[in-house]
Structures are given as structure tokens and as C-alpha cells.
Amino acid sequence: MLKSITVVGTTVMLFSCTNDSKKVRDFLADKNLPIGVAKDAYHVYKDSGRVKSKLITPLLHDFSNRKNHPYNEFPEGIKIINFSKKSNDSVTIIGDYSRSYSKTKISEIKGNVVVINHTEKSKLETEELFWDQSTKYFYSEKSFVLTTPTSIVRGIGFECKEDLSKHLAKNVIGDIETQEK
């Protein structure tokens, strides 16, 4: 008789709980908690069977449950490797912290940010970088060092394509080689 009462009581308790995913997401959003956490994440993005990029991070917080500004947070750093059409490493992006907003396709990368174009042998170093993934464009108002095979450019504030070409440097200090056309 005691076993029957225990089984019925446990069954009633289990069926009285709800696992409505919308309620869970809303609860987590209200408490400012991520809807998901991944450790040692390794994500490969492919298009038409070809690897386009890899994302590597020790910790990923998924805040896609936010109504107005859903985002992913990488509090322990991020490394993104973009590949050219020839499947070579073309551009690598590294930073100590990152946040990527899914609606706007804007990412902010902070702390020891390094962008390396392996093909052109150029490197950008800064403390903060914004990346517009829709237009494939980087920009920052922080100090930077851009190293190319022919020059080292230092300044505060810049804009450039995500492959570090066609850059606009502001408040420049350094020697720059130019070509007249």
C-alpha cells in the first residue's frame, strides 16, 4: 500500500511540472541568464560543401532568448579562421572577449585583438574592434598598429575591409609607402 501511494504521489508531481520552452526562455531572460552554455566550442561553417570559416572558443554563452538584441557572448576569448576559395587560411581573428549580435550581424571583439591576413602577410593589432559581417568591414576608434610587408602604421581610429585591404586610417603616425596613379 505504501509503495502504491509513493508511486501515485511521484507521478502526480512529475505531471504537475511544466517544461514549456517559452516559459523557460522567458525565465532565463528575466534573470539575465544564457539559454545555453558551451565549453570548448568548435564550430565549422560550410557553404556548398566547402569550409568557409571555423570558430574556436573555450566558453560560449547563448543569449538568443533576448527579444530586442539576441547575442552570443565569448567571455574567455575567441578565434575565427576564415578560408579563401583555395581553402587556405586567409584571415585569422583573435580576441580576449567577444559579443556577436545576430539581428544586426555586428560583432565586438575586445582585449588583445589581432587580425592576420596570411595571404598578404599583414597584421592589425588593437584593443577593440567592431566587425560588420554583412558588409565584411572592420572599424574602431581605439589605437591600432597595422603592419604590412612595406610599412608599419600607427594611429587612433581606422576602417578597413575584413581582409585588411582598402583601409582608412585616422590620426596616423608612421611611415607609409604609397603609389601614385
Protein backbone atom coordinates (compact mmCIF):
# COMPACT_ATOMS: atom_id res chain seq x y z
CA MET A 1 0.00 0.00 0.00
CA LEU A 2 2.86 2.41 0.89
CA LYS A 3 4.57 1.67 -2.45
CA SER A 4 1.36 2.44 -4.35
CA ILE A 5 0.90 5.78 -2.56
CA THR A 6 4.56 6.71 -3.28
CA VAL A 7 4.23 5.82 -6.97
CA VAL A 8 0.97 7.79 -7.35
CA GLY A 9 2.43 10.80 -5.48
CA THR A 10 5.60 10.83 -7.59
CA THR A 11 3.57 10.51 -10.81
CA VAL A 12 1.32 13.44 -9.83
CA MET A 13 4.39 15.60 -9.03
CA LEU A 14 6.05 14.80 -12.37
CA PHE A 15 2.94 15.63 -14.38
CA SER A 16 2.32 18.86 -12.49
CA CYS A 17 5.72 20.26 -13.60
CA THR A 18 5.83 22.13 -16.87
CA ASN A 19 8.64 22.22 -19.39
CA ASP A 20 7.16 24.87 -21.68
CA SER A 21 10.25 26.07 -23.56
CA LYS A 22 8.88 29.62 -23.93
CA LYS A 23 8.41 29.90 -20.16
CA VAL A 24 11.92 28.59 -19.56
CA ARG A 25 13.43 31.08 -22.09
CA ASP A 26 11.47 33.97 -20.56
CA PHE A 27 12.59 32.96 -17.05
CA LEU A 28 16.25 32.82 -18.14
CA ALA A 29 15.96 36.17 -19.94
CA ASP A 30 14.38 37.80 -16.88
CA LYS A 31 17.26 36.54 -14.71
CA ASN A 32 19.83 37.65 -17.35
CA LEU A 33 20.99 34.05 -17.77
CA PRO A 34 22.05 32.43 -21.04
CA ILE A 35 19.72 29.93 -22.63
CA GLY A 36 22.73 27.72 -23.35
CA VAL A 37 26.41 27.36 -22.44
CA ALA A 38 29.06 25.51 -24.43
CA LYS A 39 32.58 24.74 -23.27
CA ASP A 40 35.46 24.23 -25.71
CA ALA A 41 33.21 25.02 -28.68
CA TYR A 42 34.49 24.34 -32.17
CA HIS A 43 32.12 25.40 -34.95
CA VAL A 44 32.79 24.83 -38.65
CA TYR A 45 30.76 26.85 -41.19
CA LYS A 46 30.40 25.28 -44.63
CA ASP A 47 28.81 26.56 -47.81
CA SER A 48 28.25 24.22 -50.76
CA GLY A 49 30.41 21.57 -49.06
CA ARG A 50 33.41 23.91 -48.69
CA VAL A 51 34.69 25.06 -45.29
CA LYS A 52 34.32 28.86 -45.16
CA SER A 53 35.27 29.51 -41.52
CA LYS A 54 35.99 27.99 -38.12
CA LEU A 55 35.16 29.44 -34.72
CA ILE A 56 37.06 28.22 -31.66
CA THR A 57 36.28 29.34 -28.11
CA PRO A 58 36.76 27.96 -24.59
CA LEU A 59 33.33 29.27 -23.50
CA LEU A 60 30.17 30.34 -25.34
CA HIS A 61 27.08 31.87 -23.71
CA ASP A 62 23.95 31.82 -25.88
CA PHE A 63 21.65 34.77 -25.16
CA SER A 64 19.43 34.20 -28.22
CA ASN A 65 16.43 34.33 -25.87
CA ARG A 66 16.65 38.16 -25.80
CA LYS A 67 13.74 39.71 -27.69
CA ASN A 68 15.33 43.00 -28.74
CA HIS A 69 19.04 42.22 -29.02
CA PRO A 70 19.83 38.47 -29.10
CA TYR A 71 23.54 37.73 -28.96
CA ASN A 72 26.26 35.19 -28.30
CA GLU A 73 28.98 36.02 -25.78
CA PHE A 74 32.51 34.62 -25.73
CA PRO A 75 33.81 35.71 -22.29
CA GLU A 76 37.06 33.73 -22.40
CA GLY A 77 38.16 34.69 -25.89
CA ILE A 78 37.57 33.75 -29.49
CA LYS A 79 39.50 32.66 -32.56
CA ILE A 80 37.92 32.82 -36.01
CA ILE A 81 39.67 31.46 -39.09
CA ASN A 82 38.25 32.47 -42.47
CA PHE A 83 39.28 30.49 -45.52
CA SER A 84 39.82 31.70 -49.07
CA LYS A 85 38.32 30.00 -52.10
CA LYS A 86 41.52 27.93 -52.34
CA SER A 87 40.84 26.59 -48.77
CA ASN A 88 43.94 28.31 -47.38
CA ASP A 89 43.87 30.22 -44.08
CA SER A 90 43.26 33.69 -45.37
CA VAL A 91 42.28 35.73 -42.29
CA THR A 92 42.50 34.87 -38.58
CA ILE A 93 40.80 37.00 -35.90
CA ILE A 94 41.73 36.60 -32.22
CA GLY A 95 40.47 38.45 -29.13
CA ASP A 96 40.12 38.06 -25.35
CA TYR A 97 36.35 38.75 -25.34
CA SER A 98 33.64 38.96 -27.96
CA ARG A 99 29.94 39.52 -28.33
CA SER A 100 28.10 38.85 -31.59
CA TYR A 101 24.60 40.25 -32.24
CA SER A 102 22.53 38.02 -34.53
CA LYS A 103 19.99 40.62 -35.72
CA THR A 104 22.49 43.31 -36.74
CA LYS A 105 25.34 40.91 -37.69
CA ILE A 106 27.73 43.19 -35.75
CA SER A 107 30.41 41.67 -33.53
CA GLU A 108 32.53 43.48 -30.98
CA ILE A 109 35.90 41.99 -30.11
CA LYS A 110 37.90 43.35 -27.18
CA GLY A 111 41.25 42.84 -25.49
CA ASN A 112 44.44 41.99 -27.38
CA VAL A 113 42.65 41.89 -30.73
CA VAL A 114 44.81 40.60 -33.58
CA VAL A 115 43.72 40.19 -37.20
CA ILE A 116 46.16 38.45 -39.53
CA ASN A 117 45.84 38.26 -43.31
CA HIS A 118 48.05 35.25 -44.05
CA THR A 119 47.92 35.73 -47.82
CA GLU A 120 49.01 39.39 -47.82
CA LYS A 121 51.21 38.98 -44.72
CA SER A 122 49.59 41.91 -42.92
CA LYS A 123 48.56 42.20 -39.28
CA LEU A 124 46.27 44.54 -37.35
CA GLU A 125 46.57 44.92 -33.56
CA THR A 126 44.14 46.91 -31.40
CA GLU A 127 42.23 46.75 -28.11
CA GLU A 128 38.73 46.96 -29.59
CA LEU A 129 37.30 46.08 -32.96
CA PHE A 130 33.80 46.12 -34.43
CA TRP A 131 33.08 43.75 -37.29
CA ASP A 132 30.12 44.24 -39.62
CA GLN A 133 29.70 40.74 -41.03
CA SER A 134 27.11 41.89 -43.59
CA THR A 135 29.46 44.36 -45.27
CA LYS A 136 32.64 42.43 -44.31
CA TYR A 137 34.11 45.55 -42.72
CA PHE A 138 36.16 46.30 -39.56
CA TYR A 139 36.19 49.60 -37.69
CA SER A 140 37.48 51.00 -34.41
CA GLU A 141 38.10 54.31 -32.67
CA LYS A 142 40.88 52.88 -30.49
CA SER A 143 44.62 52.97 -31.10
CA PHE A 144 45.96 50.45 -33.59
CA VAL A 145 49.08 49.13 -35.30
CA LEU A 146 48.78 47.89 -38.89
CA THR A 147 51.85 46.03 -40.13
CA THR A 148 52.29 45.22 -43.82
CA PRO A 149 55.34 43.93 -45.69
CA THR A 150 56.21 47.54 -46.64
CA SER A 151 55.07 49.64 -43.68
CA ILE A 152 54.04 49.97 -40.07
CA VAL A 153 51.13 52.35 -39.48
CA ARG A 154 50.12 53.51 -36.02
CA GLY A 155 47.15 55.67 -35.22
CA ILE A 156 43.86 56.11 -33.45
CA GLY A 157 40.76 55.07 -35.36
CA PHE A 158 40.51 53.14 -38.61
CA GLU A 159 38.22 51.35 -41.03
CA CYS A 160 39.08 48.53 -43.44
CA LYS A 161 37.77 45.54 -45.32
CA GLU A 162 37.85 42.30 -43.36
CA ASP A 163 40.94 41.17 -45.33
CA LEU A 164 42.76 44.34 -44.11
CA SER A 165 42.79 45.88 -47.58
CA LYS A 166 41.39 49.27 -48.55
CA HIS A 167 41.97 50.76 -45.12
CA LEU A 168 41.21 54.27 -43.91
CA ALA A 169 43.48 55.21 -41.03
CA LYS A 170 42.76 58.21 -38.79
CA ASN A 171 45.27 60.19 -36.68
CA VAL A 172 48.16 58.37 -38.33
CA ILE A 173 51.75 58.14 -37.04
CA GLY A 174 54.42 56.30 -39.02
CA ASP A 175 55.95 55.76 -42.44
CA ILE A 176 53.57 54.79 -45.21
CA GLU A 177 54.51 53.72 -48.71
CA THR A 178 52.04 54.94 -51.34
CA GLN A 179 51.69 54.59 -55.09
CA GLU A 180 50.61 57.40 -57.38
CA LYS A 181 48.03 56.59 -60.03
